[in-house]
Amino acid sequence: MHFSAIIAIGWLYVTLLMSLAQPTVLAGVATLLFYGLLPVAILLYIVTTPARKRRRREREAAQPGGSAADATHADGNGRPRSP
């Protein structure tokens, strides 16, 4: 398990406990959503971006008849993809 996943699980645990301590259900849901789920989702998206790019490049390079260097956009506009 990656270090960032352990931190995310810990943070979600803390925010879950914070949301359970709120006086109303609405406050608890808002706390869990805005202090827990949303920030963790954004952080994990940013942290995993290099791995997603690397997997995409490897997948494109493995395609028969082409390489990642000469691949074009999926919409067919003919411009090369930026790295």
Foldseek 3Di string as FASTA:
>chain_A
DDPLVVVLVVQLVVQQVVLVPDPDVVSSVCSNVVRHDVVSVVVVCVVCVVVVVVVVQVVQCPDPPDHLQLDDDPVPPRDRDDD
